[in-house]
C-alpha atoms as a PDB file:
ATOM      1  CA  UNK A   1       0.000   0.000   0.000  1.00  0.00           C
ATOM      2  CA  UNK A   2       1.368   3.400  -0.951  1.00  0.00           C
ATOM      3  CA  UNK A   3       1.842   6.217   1.335  1.00  0.00           C
ATOM      4  CA  UNK A   4      -0.636   8.459  -0.586  1.00  0.00           C
ATOM      5  CA  UNK A   5      -3.510   6.200   0.010  1.00  0.00           C
ATOM      6  CA  UNK A   6      -5.256   7.114   3.117  1.00  0.00           C
ATOM      7  CA  UNK A   7      -4.529   4.616   5.690  1.00  0.00           C
ATOM      8  CA  UNK A   8      -7.403   2.565   6.590  1.00  0.00           C
ATOM      9  CA  UNK A   9      -8.322   3.008  10.172  1.00  0.00           C
ATOM     10  CA  UNK A  10      -8.805  -0.259  11.880  1.00  0.00           C
ATOM     11  CA  UNK A  11     -11.546  -0.146  14.363  1.00  0.00           C
ATOM     12  CA  UNK A  12     -10.196  -0.042  17.818  1.00  0.00           C
ATOM     13  CA  UNK A  13     -10.362  -3.293  19.625  1.00  0.00           C
ATOM     14  CA  UNK A  14     -12.890  -3.218  22.323  1.00  0.00           C
ATOM     15  CA  UNK A  15     -11.787  -4.919  25.415  1.00  0.00           C
ATOM     16  CA  UNK A  16     -13.924  -7.896  26.172  1.00  0.00           C
ATOM     17  CA  UNK A  17     -15.735  -7.652  29.457  1.00  0.00           C
ATOM     18  CA  UNK A  18     -13.917  -9.402  32.195  1.00  0.00           C
ATOM     19  CA  UNK A  19     -15.100 -12.859  32.865  1.00  0.00           C
ATOM     20  CA  UNK A  20     -16.492 -13.386  36.284  1.00  0.00           C
ATOM     21  CA  UNK A  21     -13.941 -15.133  38.359  1.00  0.00           C
ATOM     22  CA  UNK A  22     -14.851 -18.652  39.143  1.00  0.00           C
ATOM     23  CA  UNK A  23     -15.513 -19.332  42.763  1.00  0.00           C
ATOM     24  CA  UNK A  24     -12.582 -21.136  44.277  1.00  0.00           C
ATOM     25  CA  UNK A  25     -13.333 -24.778  44.784  1.00  0.00           C
ATOM     26  CA  UNK A  26     -13.048 -25.953  48.380  1.00  0.00           C
ATOM     27  CA  UNK A  27      -9.746 -27.620  49.080  1.00  0.00           C
ATOM     28  CA  UNK A  28      -9.778 -31.348  49.071  1.00  0.00           C
ATOM     29  CA  UNK A  29      -9.260 -32.826  52.475  1.00  0.00           C
ATOM     30  CA  UNK A  30      -5.959 -34.471  52.808  1.00  0.00           C
ATOM     31  CA  UNK A  31      -5.826 -38.149  53.445  1.00  0.00           C
ATOM     32  CA  UNK A  32      -5.827 -38.755  57.135  1.00  0.00           C
ATOM     33  CA  UNK A  33      -3.457 -41.254  58.625  1.00  0.00           C
ATOM     34  CA  UNK A  34      -4.946 -44.522  59.816  1.00  0.00           C
ATOM     35  CA  UNK A  35      -3.939 -44.016  63.405  1.00  0.00           C
ATOM     36  CA  UNK A  36      -4.033 -40.216  63.607  1.00  0.00           C
ATOM     37  CA  UNK A  37      -5.933 -38.328  66.215  1.00  0.00           C
ATOM     38  CA  UNK A  38      -8.183 -35.345  65.986  1.00  0.00           C
ATOM     39  CA  UNK A  39     -11.788 -34.943  64.998  1.00  0.00           C
ATOM     40  CA  UNK A  40     -12.914 -37.091  62.114  1.00  0.00           C
ATOM     41  CA  UNK A  41      -9.796 -39.238  62.238  1.00  0.00           C
ATOM     42  CA  UNK A  42     -10.090 -42.901  61.485  1.00  0.00           C
ATOM     43  CA  UNK A  43     -10.029 -45.115  64.549  1.00  0.00           C
ATOM     44  CA  UNK A  44      -6.615 -46.325  65.551  1.00  0.00           C
ATOM     45  CA  UNK A  45      -5.642 -49.969  65.741  1.00  0.00           C
ATOM     46  CA  UNK A  46      -5.927 -49.850  69.521  1.00  0.00           C
ATOM     47  CA  UNK A  47      -9.444 -48.467  69.332  1.00  0.00           C
ATOM     48  CA  UNK A  48     -10.319 -51.154  66.808  1.00  0.00           C
ATOM     49  CA  UNK A  49      -9.264 -53.892  69.211  1.00  0.00           C
ATOM     50  CA  UNK A  50     -11.086 -52.271  72.096  1.00  0.00           C
ATOM     51  CA  UNK A  51     -14.213 -52.262  69.935  1.00  0.00           C
ATOM     52  CA  UNK A  52     -13.627 -55.939  69.263  1.00  0.00           C
ATOM     53  CA  UNK A  53     -13.461 -56.631  72.987  1.00  0.00           C
ATOM     54  CA  UNK A  54     -16.622 -54.607  73.452  1.00  0.00           C
ATOM     55  CA  UNK A  55     -18.440 -56.813  70.939  1.00  0.00           C
ATOM     56  CA  UNK A  56     -17.475 -59.970  72.792  1.00  0.00           C
ATOM     57  CA  UNK A  57     -18.468 -58.484  76.129  1.00  0.00           C
ATOM     58  CA  UNK A  58     -18.366 -54.975  77.570  1.00  0.00           C
ATOM     59  CA  UNK A  59     -15.314 -54.587  79.812  1.00  0.00           C
ATOM     60  CA  UNK A  60     -17.408 -53.498  82.780  1.00  0.00           C
ATOM     61  CA  UNK A  61     -19.618 -56.573  82.424  1.00  0.00           C
ATOM     62  CA  UNK A  62     -16.607 -58.860  82.136  1.00  0.00           C
ATOM     63  CA  UNK A  63     -14.987 -57.345  85.210  1.00  0.00           C
ATOM     64  CA  UNK A  64     -18.194 -57.698  87.198  1.00  0.00           C
ATOM     65  CA  UNK A  65     -18.594 -61.310  86.106  1.00  0.00           C
ATOM     66  CA  UNK A  66     -14.966 -62.096  86.994  1.00  0.00           C
ATOM     67  CA  UNK A  67     -15.372 -60.361  90.357  1.00  0.00           C
ATOM     68  CA  UNK A  68     -18.528 -62.288  91.299  1.00  0.00           C
ATOM     69  CA  UNK A  69     -17.248 -65.610  89.979  1.00  0.00           C
ATOM     70  CA  UNK A  70     -13.905 -65.339  91.786  1.00  0.00           C
ATOM     71  CA  UNK A  71     -15.671 -64.503  95.046  1.00  0.00           C
ATOM     72  CA  UNK A  72     -18.043 -67.439  94.684  1.00  0.00           C
ATOM     73  CA  UNK A  73     -15.313 -69.995  93.940  1.00  0.00           C
ATOM     74  CA  UNK A  74     -13.100 -68.728  96.765  1.00  0.00           C
ATOM     75  CA  UNK A  75     -15.993 -68.842  99.256  1.00  0.00           C
ATOM     76  CA  UNK A  76     -16.913 -72.338  98.072  1.00  0.00           C
ATOM     77  CA  UNK A  77     -13.420 -73.676  98.748  1.00  0.00           C
ATOM     78  CA  UNK A  78     -13.007 -71.713 101.968  1.00  0.00           C
ATOM     79  CA  UNK A  79     -16.014 -73.293 103.665  1.00  0.00           C
ATOM     80  CA  UNK A  80     -15.462 -76.649 101.988  1.00  0.00           C
ATOM     81  CA  UNK A  81     -12.202 -76.792 103.927  1.00  0.00           C
ATOM     82  CA  UNK A  82     -14.384 -77.175 107.050  1.00  0.00           C
ATOM     83  CA  UNK A  83     -16.681 -79.700 105.373  1.00  0.00           C
ATOM     84  CA  UNK A  84     -19.439 -77.140 104.669  1.00  0.00           C
ATOM     85  CA  UNK A  85     -20.883 -76.964 101.157  1.00  0.00           C
ATOM     86  CA  UNK A  86     -22.476 -73.729  99.992  1.00  0.00           C
ATOM     87  CA  UNK A  87     -25.554 -75.632  98.853  1.00  0.00           C
ATOM     88  CA  UNK A  88     -26.005 -76.735 102.455  1.00  0.00           C
ATOM     89  CA  UNK A  89     -25.275 -73.291 103.873  1.00  0.00           C
ATOM     90  CA  UNK A  90     -27.819 -71.672 101.516  1.00  0.00           C
ATOM     91  CA  UNK A  91     -26.217 -68.241 101.763  1.00  0.00           C
ATOM     92  CA  UNK A  92     -27.957 -65.353 100.004  1.00  0.00           C
ATOM     93  CA  UNK A  93     -26.210 -63.802  97.010  1.00  0.00           C
ATOM     94  CA  UNK A  94     -25.298 -60.669  98.946  1.00  0.00           C
ATOM     95  CA  UNK A  95     -23.479 -62.697 101.611  1.00  0.00           C
ATOM     96  CA  UNK A  96     -21.690 -64.725  98.937  1.00  0.00           C
ATOM     97  CA  UNK A  97     -20.354 -61.547  97.353  1.00  0.00           C
ATOM     98  CA  UNK A  98     -19.303 -60.081 100.691  1.00  0.00           C
ATOM     99  CA  UNK A  99     -17.492 -63.266 101.728  1.00  0.00           C
ATOM    100  CA  UNK A 100     -15.620 -63.355  98.427  1.00  0.00           C
ATOM    101  CA  UNK A 101     -14.693 -59.664  98.168  1.00  0.00           C
ATOM    102  CA  UNK A 102     -11.348 -59.978  99.934  1.00  0.00           C
ATOM    103  CA  UNK A 103     -10.330 -62.783  97.582  1.00  0.00           C
ATOM    104  CA  UNK A 104     -11.708 -61.245  94.396  1.00  0.00           C
ATOM    105  CA  UNK A 105      -9.991 -57.881  94.811  1.00  0.00           C
ATOM    106  CA  UNK A 106      -6.413 -59.153  94.255  1.00  0.00           C
ATOM    107  CA  UNK A 107      -7.504 -61.261  91.267  1.00  0.00           C
ATOM    108  CA  UNK A 108      -9.300 -58.374  89.562  1.00  0.00           C
ATOM    109  CA  UNK A 109      -6.362 -56.068  90.307  1.00  0.00           C
ATOM    110  CA  UNK A 110      -3.912 -58.507  88.688  1.00  0.00           C
ATOM    111  CA  UNK A 111      -6.250 -58.774  85.714  1.00  0.00           C
ATOM    112  CA  UNK A 112      -6.320 -55.004  85.238  1.00  0.00           C
ATOM    113  CA  UNK A 113      -2.528 -54.828  85.498  1.00  0.00           C
ATOM    114  CA  UNK A 114      -2.247 -57.579  82.870  1.00  0.00           C
ATOM    115  CA  UNK A 115      -4.571 -55.675  80.539  1.00  0.00           C
ATOM    116  CA  UNK A 116      -2.498 -52.518  81.017  1.00  0.00           C
ATOM    117  CA  UNK A 117       0.693 -54.427  80.216  1.00  0.00           C
ATOM    118  CA  UNK A 118      -0.927 -55.924  77.116  1.00  0.00           C
ATOM    119  CA  UNK A 119      -1.947 -52.465  75.873  1.00  0.00           C
ATOM    120  CA  UNK A 120       1.562 -51.118  76.370  1.00  0.00           C
ATOM    121  CA  UNK A 121       3.036 -54.113  74.561  1.00  0.00           C
ATOM    122  CA  UNK A 122       0.547 -53.644  71.741  1.00  0.00           C
ATOM    123  CA  UNK A 123       1.545 -49.996  71.329  1.00  0.00           C
ATOM    124  CA  UNK A 124       5.222 -50.919  71.223  1.00  0.00           C
ATOM    125  CA  UNK A 125       4.707 -53.676  68.649  1.00  0.00           C
ATOM    126  CA  UNK A 126       2.606 -51.442  66.409  1.00  0.00           C
ATOM    127  CA  UNK A 127       5.339 -48.805  66.382  1.00  0.00           C
ATOM    128  CA  UNK A 128       8.000 -51.409  65.683  1.00  0.00           C
ATOM    129  CA  UNK A 129       5.952 -52.871  62.826  1.00  0.00           C
ATOM    130  CA  UNK A 130       5.512 -49.365  61.335  1.00  0.00           C
ATOM    131  CA  UNK A 131       9.260 -48.857  60.905  1.00  0.00           C
ATOM    132  CA  UNK A 132      10.409 -48.555  57.262  1.00  0.00           C
ATOM    133  CA  UNK A 133      12.575 -51.650  57.537  1.00  0.00           C
ATOM    134  CA  UNK A 134      10.523 -54.723  56.569  1.00  0.00           C
ATOM    135  CA  UNK A 135      12.749 -57.138  58.454  1.00  0.00           C
ATOM    136  CA  UNK A 136      11.810 -55.474  61.742  1.00  0.00           C
ATOM    137  CA  UNK A 137       8.162 -56.327  61.198  1.00  0.00           C
ATOM    138  CA  UNK A 138       9.035 -59.895  60.233  1.00  0.00           C
ATOM    139  CA  UNK A 139      11.072 -60.324  63.414  1.00  0.00           C
ATOM    140  CA  UNK A 140       8.235 -58.946  65.563  1.00  0.00           C
ATOM    141  CA  UNK A 141       5.720 -61.267  63.880  1.00  0.00           C
ATOM    142  CA  UNK A 142       8.044 -64.247  64.328  1.00  0.00           C
ATOM    143  CA  UNK A 143       8.546 -63.528  68.049  1.00  0.00           C
ATOM    144  CA  UNK A 144       4.809 -63.140  68.730  1.00  0.00           C
ATOM    145  CA  UNK A 145       3.955 -66.246  66.685  1.00  0.00           C
ATOM    146  CA  UNK A 146       6.641 -68.314  68.466  1.00  0.00           C
ATOM    147  CA  UNK A 147       5.385 -67.193  71.883  1.00  0.00           C
ATOM    148  CA  UNK A 148       1.787 -67.967  70.914  1.00  0.00           C
ATOM    149  CA  UNK A 149       2.713 -71.415  69.580  1.00  0.00           C
ATOM    150  CA  UNK A 150       4.681 -72.266  72.726  1.00  0.00           C
ATOM    151  CA  UNK A 151       1.828 -71.205  75.009  1.00  0.00           C
ATOM    152  CA  UNK A 152      -0.734 -73.080  72.908  1.00  0.00           C
ATOM    153  CA  UNK A 153       1.299 -76.307  73.000  1.00  0.00           C
ATOM    154  CA  UNK A 154       1.785 -75.937  76.760  1.00  0.00           C
ATOM    155  CA  UNK A 155      -1.935 -75.412  77.270  1.00  0.00           C
ATOM    156  CA  UNK A 156      -2.848 -78.434  75.127  1.00  0.00           C
ATOM    157  CA  UNK A 157      -0.363 -80.534  77.095  1.00  0.00           C
ATOM    158  CA  UNK A 158      -2.160 -79.590  80.310  1.00  0.00           C
ATOM    159  CA  UNK A 159      -5.531 -80.488  78.781  1.00  0.00           C
ATOM    160  CA  UNK A 160      -4.614 -83.871  77.302  1.00  0.00           C
ATOM    161  CA  UNK A 161      -2.175 -84.894  80.040  1.00  0.00           C
ATOM    162  CA  UNK A 162      -3.861 -84.546  83.455  1.00  0.00           C
ATOM    163  CA  UNK A 163      -0.563 -85.234  85.221  1.00  0.00           C
ATOM    164  CA  UNK A 164       0.828 -81.956  83.889  1.00  0.00           C
ATOM    165  CA  UNK A 165      -2.190 -80.001  85.119  1.00  0.00           C
ATOM    166  CA  UNK A 166      -2.013 -81.614  88.559  1.00  0.00           C
ATOM    167  CA  UNK A 167       1.609 -80.608  89.156  1.00  0.00           C
ATOM    168  CA  UNK A 168       1.520 -77.134  87.650  1.00  0.00           C
ATOM    169  CA  UNK A 169       1.073 -73.733  89.221  1.00  0.00           C
ATOM    170  CA  UNK A 170      -2.693 -73.115  89.523  1.00  0.00           C
ATOM    171  CA  UNK A 171      -4.064 -71.582  86.339  1.00  0.00           C
ATOM    172  CA  UNK A 172      -0.994 -72.206  84.134  1.00  0.00           C
ATOM    173  CA  UNK A 173      -2.823 -74.362  81.578  1.00  0.00           C
ATOM    174  CA  UNK A 174      -5.775 -72.003  81.416  1.00  0.00           C
ATOM    175  CA  UNK A 175      -3.579 -68.925  80.977  1.00  0.00           C
ATOM    176  CA  UNK A 176      -1.546 -70.593  78.233  1.00  0.00           C
ATOM    177  CA  UNK A 177      -4.713 -71.382  76.298  1.00  0.00           C
ATOM    178  CA  UNK A 178      -6.174 -67.936  76.973  1.00  0.00           C
ATOM    179  CA  UNK A 179      -3.028 -66.227  75.631  1.00  0.00           C
ATOM    180  CA  UNK A 180      -1.724 -68.666  73.014  1.00  0.00           C
ATOM    181  CA  UNK A 181      -4.546 -68.520  70.457  1.00  0.00           C
ATOM    182  CA  UNK A 182      -4.983 -64.705  70.690  1.00  0.00           C
ATOM    183  CA  UNK A 183      -1.200 -64.304  70.316  1.00  0.00           C
ATOM    184  CA  UNK A 184      -1.194 -66.300  67.067  1.00  0.00           C
ATOM    185  CA  UNK A 185      -4.108 -64.271  65.741  1.00  0.00           C
ATOM    186  CA  UNK A 186      -2.353 -61.072  66.756  1.00  0.00           C
ATOM    187  CA  UNK A 187       0.748 -62.171  64.835  1.00  0.00           C
ATOM    188  CA  UNK A 188      -1.359 -62.432  61.675  1.00  0.00           C
ATOM    189  CA  UNK A 189      -2.736 -58.977  62.355  1.00  0.00           C
ATOM    190  CA  UNK A 190       0.792 -57.566  62.497  1.00  0.00           C
ATOM    191  CA  UNK A 191       1.382 -58.760  58.944  1.00  0.00           C
ATOM    192  CA  UNK A 192      -0.940 -56.045  57.637  1.00  0.00           C
ATOM    193  CA  UNK A 193      -4.575 -55.220  57.069  1.00  0.00           C
ATOM    194  CA  UNK A 194      -4.791 -57.208  53.845  1.00  0.00           C
ATOM    195  CA  UNK A 195      -3.833 -60.366  55.672  1.00  0.00           C
ATOM    196  CA  UNK A 196      -5.708 -59.532  58.875  1.00  0.00           C
ATOM    197  CA  UNK A 197      -9.026 -59.027  57.048  1.00  0.00           C
ATOM    198  CA  UNK A 198      -8.932 -62.646  55.960  1.00  0.00           C
ATOM    199  CA  UNK A 199      -8.931 -63.738  59.584  1.00  0.00           C
ATOM    200  CA  UNK A 200     -11.835 -61.613  60.798  1.00  0.00           C
ATOM    201  CA  UNK A 201     -13.780 -64.619  62.038  1.00  0.00           C
ATOM    202  CA  UNK A 202     -10.664 -66.076  63.628  1.00  0.00           C
ATOM    203  CA  UNK A 203     -10.327 -62.957  65.753  1.00  0.00           C
ATOM    204  CA  UNK A 204     -13.758 -63.489  67.260  1.00  0.00           C
ATOM    205  CA  UNK A 205     -12.954 -67.137  67.977  1.00  0.00           C
ATOM    206  CA  UNK A 206      -9.631 -66.129  69.561  1.00  0.00           C
ATOM    207  CA  UNK A 207     -11.394 -63.552  71.736  1.00  0.00           C
ATOM    208  CA  UNK A 208     -13.938 -66.173  72.852  1.00  0.00           C
ATOM    209  CA  UNK A 209     -11.132 -68.620  73.716  1.00  0.00           C
ATOM    210  CA  UNK A 210      -9.403 -65.871  75.675  1.00  0.00           C
ATOM    211  CA  UNK A 211     -12.537 -65.146  77.719  1.00  0.00           C
ATOM    212  CA  UNK A 212     -13.159 -68.836  78.476  1.00  0.00           C
ATOM    213  CA  UNK A 213      -9.523 -69.352  79.430  1.00  0.00           C
ATOM    214  CA  UNK A 214      -9.661 -66.260  81.602  1.00  0.00           C
ATOM    215  CA  UNK A 215     -12.577 -67.599  83.633  1.00  0.00           C
ATOM    216  CA  UNK A 216     -10.842 -70.962  83.901  1.00  0.00           C
ATOM    217  CA  UNK A 217      -7.684 -69.325  85.224  1.00  0.00           C
ATOM    218  CA  UNK A 218      -9.675 -67.159  87.634  1.00  0.00           C
ATOM    219  CA  UNK A 219     -11.398 -70.284  88.946  1.00  0.00           C
ATOM    220  CA  UNK A 220      -8.049 -71.971  89.596  1.00  0.00           C
ATOM    221  CA  UNK A 221      -6.572 -68.961  91.363  1.00  0.00           C
ATOM    222  CA  UNK A 222      -9.717 -68.336  93.392  1.00  0.00           C
ATOM    223  CA  UNK A 223      -9.957 -71.994  94.455  1.00  0.00           C
ATOM    224  CA  UNK A 224      -6.382 -71.998  95.733  1.00  0.00           C
ATOM    225  CA  UNK A 225      -6.962 -68.687  97.476  1.00  0.00           C
ATOM    226  CA  UNK A 226     -10.112 -70.033  99.132  1.00  0.00           C
ATOM    227  CA  UNK A 227      -8.303 -73.141 100.397  1.00  0.00           C
ATOM    228  CA  UNK A 228      -5.509 -70.981 101.774  1.00  0.00           C
ATOM    229  CA  UNK A 229      -8.041 -68.736 103.482  1.00  0.00           C
ATOM    230  CA  UNK A 230      -9.795 -71.730 105.020  1.00  0.00           C
ATOM    231  CA  UNK A 231      -6.484 -73.037 106.352  1.00  0.00           C
ATOM    232  CA  UNK A 232      -5.715 -69.615 107.803  1.00  0.00           C
ATOM    233  CA  UNK A 233      -9.140 -69.452 109.467  1.00  0.00           C
ATOM    234  CA  UNK A 234      -8.612 -72.856 111.054  1.00  0.00           C
ATOM    235  CA  UNK A 235      -5.117 -71.959 112.229  1.00  0.00           C
ATOM    236  CA  UNK A 236      -6.361 -68.700 113.791  1.00  0.00           C
ATOM    237  CA  UNK A 237      -9.517 -70.026 115.441  1.00  0.00           C
ATOM    238  CA  UNK A 238      -8.182 -69.040 118.848  1.00  0.00           C
ATOM    239  CA  UNK A 239      -8.230 -65.382 117.772  1.00  0.00           C
ATOM    240  CA  UNK A 240     -11.974 -65.403 117.171  1.00  0.00           C
ATOM    241  CA  UNK A 241     -14.521 -64.727 119.940  1.00  0.00           C
ATOM    242  CA  UNK A 242     -15.728 -67.848 121.678  1.00  0.00           C
ATOM    243  CA  UNK A 243     -19.358 -68.824 121.199  1.00  0.00           C
ATOM    244  CA  UNK A 244     -21.139 -70.082 124.326  1.00  0.00           C
ATOM    245  CA  UNK A 245     -24.408 -71.893 123.648  1.00  0.00           C
ATOM    246  CA  UNK A 246     -27.268 -71.873 126.162  1.00  0.00           C
ATOM    247  CA  UNK A 247     -29.959 -74.366 125.196  1.00  0.00           C
ATOM    248  CA  UNK A 248     -33.279 -75.352 126.707  1.00  0.00           C
ATOM    249  CA  UNK A 249     -32.859 -78.898 125.456  1.00  0.00           C
ATOM    250  CA  UNK A 250     -29.656 -80.933 125.203  1.00  0.00           C
ATOM    251  CA  UNK A 251     -27.825 -80.727 121.898  1.00  0.00           C
ATOM    252  CA  UNK A 252     -27.264 -84.311 120.705  1.00  0.00           C
ATOM    253  CA  UNK A 253     -24.134 -85.836 119.191  1.00  0.00           C
ATOM    254  CA  UNK A 254     -21.674 -83.270 120.499  1.00  0.00           C
ATOM    255  CA  UNK A 255     -18.167 -84.656 121.119  1.00  0.00           C
ATOM    256  CA  UNK A 256     -16.865 -85.382 124.581  1.00  0.00           C
ATOM    257  CA  UNK A 257     -14.348 -82.552 124.272  1.00  0.00           C
ATOM    258  CA  UNK A 258     -17.177 -80.036 124.477  1.00  0.00           C
ATOM    259  CA  UNK A 259     -17.457 -78.390 127.900  1.00  0.00           C
ATOM    260  CA  UNK A 260     -21.036 -79.047 129.040  1.00  0.00           C
ATOM    261  CA  UNK A 261     -22.807 -77.749 132.138  1.00  0.00           C
ATOM    262  CA  UNK A 262     -26.328 -78.643 133.312  1.00  0.00           C
ATOM    263  CA  UNK A 263     -27.980 -75.980 135.513  1.00  0.00           C
ATOM    264  CA  UNK A 264     -31.032 -78.068 136.401  1.00  0.00           C
ATOM    265  CA  UNK A 265     -34.688 -77.933 135.565  1.00  0.00           C
ATOM    266  CA  UNK A 266     -35.196 -74.572 137.267  1.00  0.00           C
ATOM    267  CA  UNK A 267     -33.052 -72.778 134.665  1.00  0.00           C
ATOM    268  CA  UNK A 268     -34.752 -71.504 131.541  1.00  0.00           C
ATOM    269  CA  UNK A 269     -31.752 -72.382 129.407  1.00  0.00           C
ATOM    270  CA  UNK A 270     -30.616 -75.446 131.211  1.00  0.00           C
ATOM    271  CA  UNK A 271     -27.626 -76.597 129.149  1.00  0.00           C
ATOM    272  CA  UNK A 272     -24.442 -74.669 128.436  1.00  0.00           C
ATOM    273  CA  UNK A 273     -21.844 -75.659 125.850  1.00  0.00           C
ATOM    274  CA  UNK A 274     -18.465 -74.019 125.467  1.00  0.00           C
ATOM    275  CA  UNK A 275     -15.454 -74.360 123.206  1.00  0.00           C
ATOM    276  CA  UNK A 276     -16.888 -73.315 119.830  1.00  0.00           C
ATOM    277  CA  UNK A 277     -16.096 -70.714 117.216  1.00  0.00           C
ATOM    278  CA  UNK A 278     -18.766 -69.453 114.833  1.00  0.00           C
ATOM    279  CA  UNK A 279     -17.971 -70.246 111.205  1.00  0.00           C
ATOM    280  CA  UNK A 280     -21.153 -68.717 109.767  1.00  0.00           C
ATOM    281  CA  UNK A 281     -24.862 -68.281 110.351  1.00  0.00           C
ATOM    282  CA  UNK A 282     -27.391 -68.844 107.603  1.00  0.00           C
ATOM    283  CA  UNK A 283     -31.064 -69.639 107.297  1.00  0.00           C
ATOM    284  CA  UNK A 284     -31.560 -69.857 111.097  1.00  0.00           C
ATOM    285  CA  UNK A 285     -28.697 -72.303 111.491  1.00  0.00           C
ATOM    286  CA  UNK A 286     -25.360 -72.044 113.248  1.00  0.00           C
ATOM    287  CA  UNK A 287     -22.234 -73.604 111.755  1.00  0.00           C
ATOM    288  CA  UNK A 288     -19.851 -74.085 114.685  1.00  0.00           C
ATOM    289  CA  UNK A 289     -16.259 -75.310 114.765  1.00  0.00           C
ATOM    290  CA  UNK A 290     -14.771 -76.666 118.016  1.00  0.00           C
ATOM    291  CA  UNK A 291     -11.675 -74.845 119.188  1.00  0.00           C
ATOM    292  CA  UNK A 292      -9.763 -78.110 119.565  1.00  0.00           C
ATOM    293  CA  UNK A 293     -10.040 -78.922 115.849  1.00  0.00           C
ATOM    294  CA  UNK A 294      -6.853 -78.319 113.873  1.00  0.00           C
ATOM    295  CA  UNK A 295      -6.150 -78.327 110.125  1.00  0.00           C
ATOM    296  CA  UNK A 296      -5.387 -81.826 108.912  1.00  0.00           C
ATOM    297  CA  UNK A 297      -7.100 -83.516 111.852  1.00  0.00           C
ATOM    298  CA  UNK A 298      -8.068 -87.062 110.974  1.00  0.00           C
ATOM    299  CA  UNK A 299     -11.326 -86.769 112.928  1.00  0.00           C
ATOM    300  CA  UNK A 300     -13.062 -84.729 110.243  1.00  0.00           C
ATOM    301  CA  UNK A 301     -16.472 -85.763 111.586  1.00  0.00           C
ATOM    302  CA  UNK A 302     -16.116 -83.319 114.470  1.00  0.00           C
ATOM    303  CA  UNK A 303     -14.872 -80.367 112.470  1.00  0.00           C
ATOM    304  CA  UNK A 304     -18.182 -78.542 111.989  1.00  0.00           C
ATOM    305  CA  UNK A 305     -21.547 -78.755 113.751  1.00  0.00           C
ATOM    306  CA  UNK A 306     -24.842 -77.449 112.425  1.00  0.00           C
ATOM    307  CA  UNK A 307     -27.479 -76.661 115.031  1.00  0.00           C
ATOM    308  CA  UNK A 308     -30.760 -74.745 114.637  1.00  0.00           C
ATOM    309  CA  UNK A 309     -30.781 -71.156 115.816  1.00  0.00           C
ATOM    310  CA  UNK A 310     -34.275 -70.597 117.194  1.00  0.00           C
ATOM    311  CA  UNK A 311     -35.993 -69.501 120.385  1.00  0.00           C
ATOM    312  CA  UNK A 312     -34.545 -72.499 122.218  1.00  0.00           C
ATOM    313  CA  UNK A 313     -30.964 -71.306 121.717  1.00  0.00           C
ATOM    314  CA  UNK A 314     -29.244 -68.320 123.247  1.00  0.00           C
ATOM    315  CA  UNK A 315     -25.713 -67.256 122.365  1.00  0.00           C
ATOM    316  CA  UNK A 316     -23.031 -65.552 124.367  1.00  0.00           C
ATOM    317  CA  UNK A 317     -19.863 -64.224 122.700  1.00  0.00           C
ATOM    318  CA  UNK A 318     -16.756 -64.043 124.856  1.00  0.00           C
ATOM    319  CA  UNK A 319     -14.006 -61.617 123.802  1.00  0.00           C
ATOM    320  CA  UNK A 320     -10.537 -62.886 123.076  1.00  0.00           C
ATOM    321  CA  UNK A 321      -8.116 -62.487 125.961  1.00  0.00           C
ATOM    322  CA  UNK A 322      -4.774 -61.279 124.652  1.00  0.00           C
ATOM    323  CA  UNK A 323      -1.922 -63.687 125.249  1.00  0.00           C
ATOM    324  CA  UNK A 324      -4.183 -66.691 125.777  1.00  0.00           C
ATOM    325  CA  UNK A 325      -5.025 -69.338 123.254  1.00  0.00           C
END
């Protein structure tokens, strides 16, 4: 185009109206770690196992059941030491619990300490398994699996060989079974979620075996504790107040070692018997133990007497004189 030709004016470009800015999209939430805390975080492995325990039986219910059962078994063996069966004594449930409280407290306390130790061990193993070195996890799994296998074999030996169970520490077989199967299942869980999900049903079975073994072990410990308490009661009979019986009618079949006095027909309570200690009172009956009876006495027939406690019987309790047996 020549310079003489008028230059064609190009129409000025009109600026296009600004586009409305798009509203910023909300940021995507970052993936939360499996065991992280905070609101909305996925439950940790520890919480998952506590939920599993809660499905088998709420912890408070299990503790209450263990407490009551331990007290019952200990009371059963304690009075059985004197030849008294609880079915014969017919104690109310409240008295059974009260008699067994002193025995059940140490057992429940040891159980809580064991649970605390298991939780601490679980936390340590989870952290070890989370290390970036795969061989560390394999070693941890191997140790837990070996311990579980050893305990399981020991428990089965006590079940199928009664001689082993008779000579063992009370509750050893039950504890080995209660810990062996859960330990093996826990070893599979340490391998990873992909493997652990295949053994979901096995975890419930392992938890059930653990609960049954726990009650078995508690029964063994409580029985031994009850026998020991019965022996202690018999050895310390002289420290209990003496029971003097005043009766309108003669009490038959008492041994010759019983001190008997007859005050004559003019006395309301004519007969007096001394030399007894009160073992328990239940259902209007007195369970009396003569002071001369000792643990291991071959004359077991005179260990405990049961006499009715009615309007024809009056009791007198004599305090213990210090320094005198």
